[in-house]
Amino acid sequence: MSKENVEKVHGHISNAIRDAEYEGLITKDFTYNIELNFTDNAKKEEDKFVSLSEFKGIKRKAKLDDTLESVALYLASFTAARHSDLIRMKYDDINLINSTIHLPGTKNEHADRVLKVSERDIRTLQRKIDALPRNISGYISNVEVVF
């Protein structure tokens, strides 16, 4: 972890340990005066994210390939779906008539949502899914394949 992240995590843990010591749950603050170890400095902002041209290249490649992984990348490129949303998607979550995609949210109770997407993207997505073997469970993903 970067120095910045190590210091941040150490601060949170130290506060919790000091509280536990104050309340008599532990007798000694084992975070006091420890040496922090880190692997590298924080990444520069430009290194944390893909550029627009890189993003377009990833989407273009995902659009052309007919693999489960490319379906996941393509879908994530225009929905910003989380991995946990993607692996829980069923065929019925894609509505070609209304050009909507239901994302069975997993982060919290408000994460379940329906997104309006372009007709071009939903047609491409459906074509890609139709090119794959159909999963009898109703899920687009089979859990053995990580995407």
Protein backbone atom coordinates (compact mmCIF):
# COMPACT_ATOMS: atom_id res chain seq x y z
CA MET A 1 0.00 0.00 0.00
CA SER A 2 1.05 3.56 -0.52
CA LYS A 3 2.37 5.64 2.37
CA GLU A 4 -0.80 7.74 2.29
CA ASN A 5 -3.05 4.67 2.58
CA VAL A 6 -0.94 3.05 5.30
CA GLU A 7 -1.07 6.24 7.37
CA LYS A 8 -4.81 6.53 6.87
CA VAL A 9 -5.48 2.91 7.91
CA HIS A 10 -3.07 3.24 10.85
CA GLY A 11 -4.93 6.34 12.01
CA HIS A 12 -8.29 4.54 11.98
CA ILE A 13 -6.91 1.49 13.78
CA SER A 14 -5.02 3.60 16.32
CA ASN A 15 -8.16 5.54 17.20
CA ALA A 16 -10.11 2.33 17.73
CA ILE A 17 -7.33 0.84 19.87
CA ARG A 18 -7.04 4.00 22.01
CA ASP A 19 -10.80 3.87 22.58
CA ALA A 20 -10.57 0.20 23.55
CA GLU A 21 -7.71 0.96 25.94
CA TYR A 22 -9.63 3.87 27.50
CA GLU A 23 -12.69 1.65 28.01
CA GLY A 24 -10.56 -1.03 29.67
CA LEU A 25 -11.05 -3.61 26.93
CA ILE A 26 -7.29 -3.87 26.40
CA THR A 27 -4.39 -2.88 28.64
CA LYS A 28 -1.93 -1.54 26.10
CA ASP A 29 -2.06 0.44 22.86
CA PHE A 30 -0.06 -1.80 20.54
CA THR A 31 -0.21 0.79 17.76
CA TYR A 32 1.82 3.32 19.77
CA ASN A 33 5.17 4.27 18.29
CA ILE A 34 5.23 1.55 15.63
CA GLU A 35 7.17 1.82 12.40
CA LEU A 36 4.90 2.05 9.38
CA ASN A 37 5.92 0.13 6.27
CA PHE A 38 4.66 0.90 2.80
CA THR A 39 5.50 -0.27 -0.68
CA ASP A 40 5.29 2.84 -2.78
CA ASN A 41 4.10 6.41 -2.90
CA ALA A 42 0.55 7.25 -3.84
CA LYS A 43 -0.16 6.98 -7.55
CA LYS A 44 -0.49 10.13 -9.60
CA GLU A 45 -4.04 10.96 -10.63
CA GLU A 46 -3.27 10.27 -14.28
CA ASP A 47 -2.07 6.76 -13.37
CA LYS A 48 -5.22 5.83 -11.45
CA PHE A 49 -7.61 5.96 -14.36
CA VAL A 50 -7.66 5.00 -18.01
CA SER A 51 -7.62 7.84 -20.50
CA LEU A 52 -10.59 8.46 -22.79
CA SER A 53 -8.73 6.97 -25.74
CA GLU A 54 -7.79 3.88 -23.69
CA PHE A 55 -11.43 3.54 -22.57
CA LYS A 56 -12.67 3.75 -26.15
CA GLY A 57 -10.14 1.11 -27.18
CA ILE A 58 -11.27 -1.24 -24.41
CA LYS A 59 -14.92 -0.74 -25.34
CA ARG A 60 -14.18 -1.26 -29.05
CA LYS A 61 -12.29 -4.50 -28.32
CA ALA A 62 -15.01 -5.73 -25.96
CA LYS A 63 -17.63 -4.94 -28.61
CA LEU A 64 -15.85 -7.11 -31.19
CA ASP A 65 -15.06 -10.17 -29.05
CA ASP A 66 -17.76 -12.71 -28.28
CA THR A 67 -16.63 -14.04 -24.91
CA LEU A 68 -18.29 -13.81 -21.52
CA GLU A 69 -15.49 -11.53 -20.36
CA SER A 70 -16.04 -9.16 -23.28
CA VAL A 71 -19.79 -9.10 -22.54
CA ALA A 72 -18.96 -8.03 -18.98
CA LEU A 73 -16.50 -5.34 -20.12
CA TYR A 74 -18.89 -4.03 -22.75
CA LEU A 75 -21.79 -3.93 -20.30
CA ALA A 76 -19.67 -2.24 -17.63
CA SER A 77 -18.48 0.34 -20.16
CA PHE A 78 -21.91 1.90 -20.53
CA THR A 79 -23.52 1.06 -17.18
CA ALA A 80 -20.62 1.39 -14.71
CA ALA A 81 -21.96 -1.82 -13.14
CA ARG A 82 -19.99 -3.43 -10.36
CA HIS A 83 -18.64 -6.96 -10.69
CA SER A 84 -21.20 -8.14 -8.13
CA ASP A 85 -24.02 -6.61 -10.23
CA LEU A 86 -22.74 -8.24 -13.41
CA ILE A 87 -22.51 -11.77 -12.04
CA ARG A 88 -26.07 -11.54 -10.71
CA MET A 89 -27.62 -10.38 -13.98
CA LYS A 90 -30.18 -12.62 -15.64
CA TYR A 91 -31.29 -12.71 -19.26
CA ASP A 92 -34.60 -11.16 -18.15
CA ASP A 93 -32.69 -8.09 -16.88
CA ILE A 94 -32.22 -6.94 -20.49
CA ASN A 95 -35.30 -5.27 -21.95
CA LEU A 96 -34.87 -4.79 -25.70
CA ILE A 97 -38.25 -3.09 -26.17
CA ASN A 98 -37.61 -0.32 -23.64
CA SER A 99 -33.81 -0.28 -24.08
CA THR A 100 -33.30 -0.78 -20.37
CA ILE A 101 -31.04 -2.90 -18.24
CA HIS A 102 -31.89 -3.95 -14.71
CA LEU A 103 -28.86 -4.08 -12.43
CA PRO A 104 -29.59 -6.22 -9.38
CA GLY A 105 -27.72 -3.98 -6.96
CA THR A 106 -25.65 -5.51 -4.23
CA LYS A 107 -23.95 -2.57 -2.50
CA ASN A 108 -26.95 -1.42 -0.47
CA GLU A 109 -30.74 -1.42 -0.55
CA HIS A 110 -30.78 1.47 -3.04
CA ALA A 111 -28.33 -0.12 -5.47
CA ASP A 112 -31.00 -2.09 -7.37
CA ARG A 113 -31.73 0.03 -10.46
CA VAL A 114 -32.96 0.12 -14.04
CA LEU A 115 -30.87 2.03 -16.57
CA LYS A 116 -31.96 3.43 -19.91
CA VAL A 117 -29.30 2.69 -22.53
CA SER A 118 -28.90 3.45 -26.20
CA GLU A 119 -30.63 1.15 -28.66
CA ARG A 120 -27.28 0.53 -30.37
CA ASP A 121 -25.66 -0.62 -27.12
CA ILE A 122 -28.55 -2.86 -26.11
CA ARG A 123 -28.71 -4.47 -29.57
CA THR A 124 -24.96 -5.08 -29.52
CA LEU A 125 -25.18 -6.50 -26.01
CA GLN A 126 -28.00 -8.84 -27.01
CA ARG A 127 -26.07 -10.00 -30.09
CA LYS A 128 -23.04 -10.74 -27.94
CA ILE A 129 -25.09 -12.65 -25.37
CA ASP A 130 -26.89 -14.62 -28.09
CA ALA A 131 -23.49 -15.73 -29.44
CA LEU A 132 -22.69 -17.43 -26.12
CA PRO A 133 -24.01 -20.76 -24.85
CA ARG A 134 -27.20 -20.16 -22.86
CA ASN A 135 -26.94 -20.75 -19.13
CA ILE A 136 -29.95 -22.82 -17.98
CA SER A 137 -29.92 -21.12 -14.56
CA GLY A 138 -31.15 -17.89 -16.16
CA TYR A 139 -27.98 -16.02 -15.22
CA ILE A 140 -25.87 -14.49 -17.99
CA SER A 141 -22.73 -15.42 -16.11
CA ASN A 142 -21.77 -18.83 -14.96
CA VAL A 143 -20.00 -18.31 -11.68
CA GLU A 144 -16.96 -20.34 -12.73
CA VAL A 145 -16.05 -17.59 -15.20
CA VAL A 146 -14.80 -14.49 -13.43
CA PHE A 147 -15.54 -11.23 -15.20
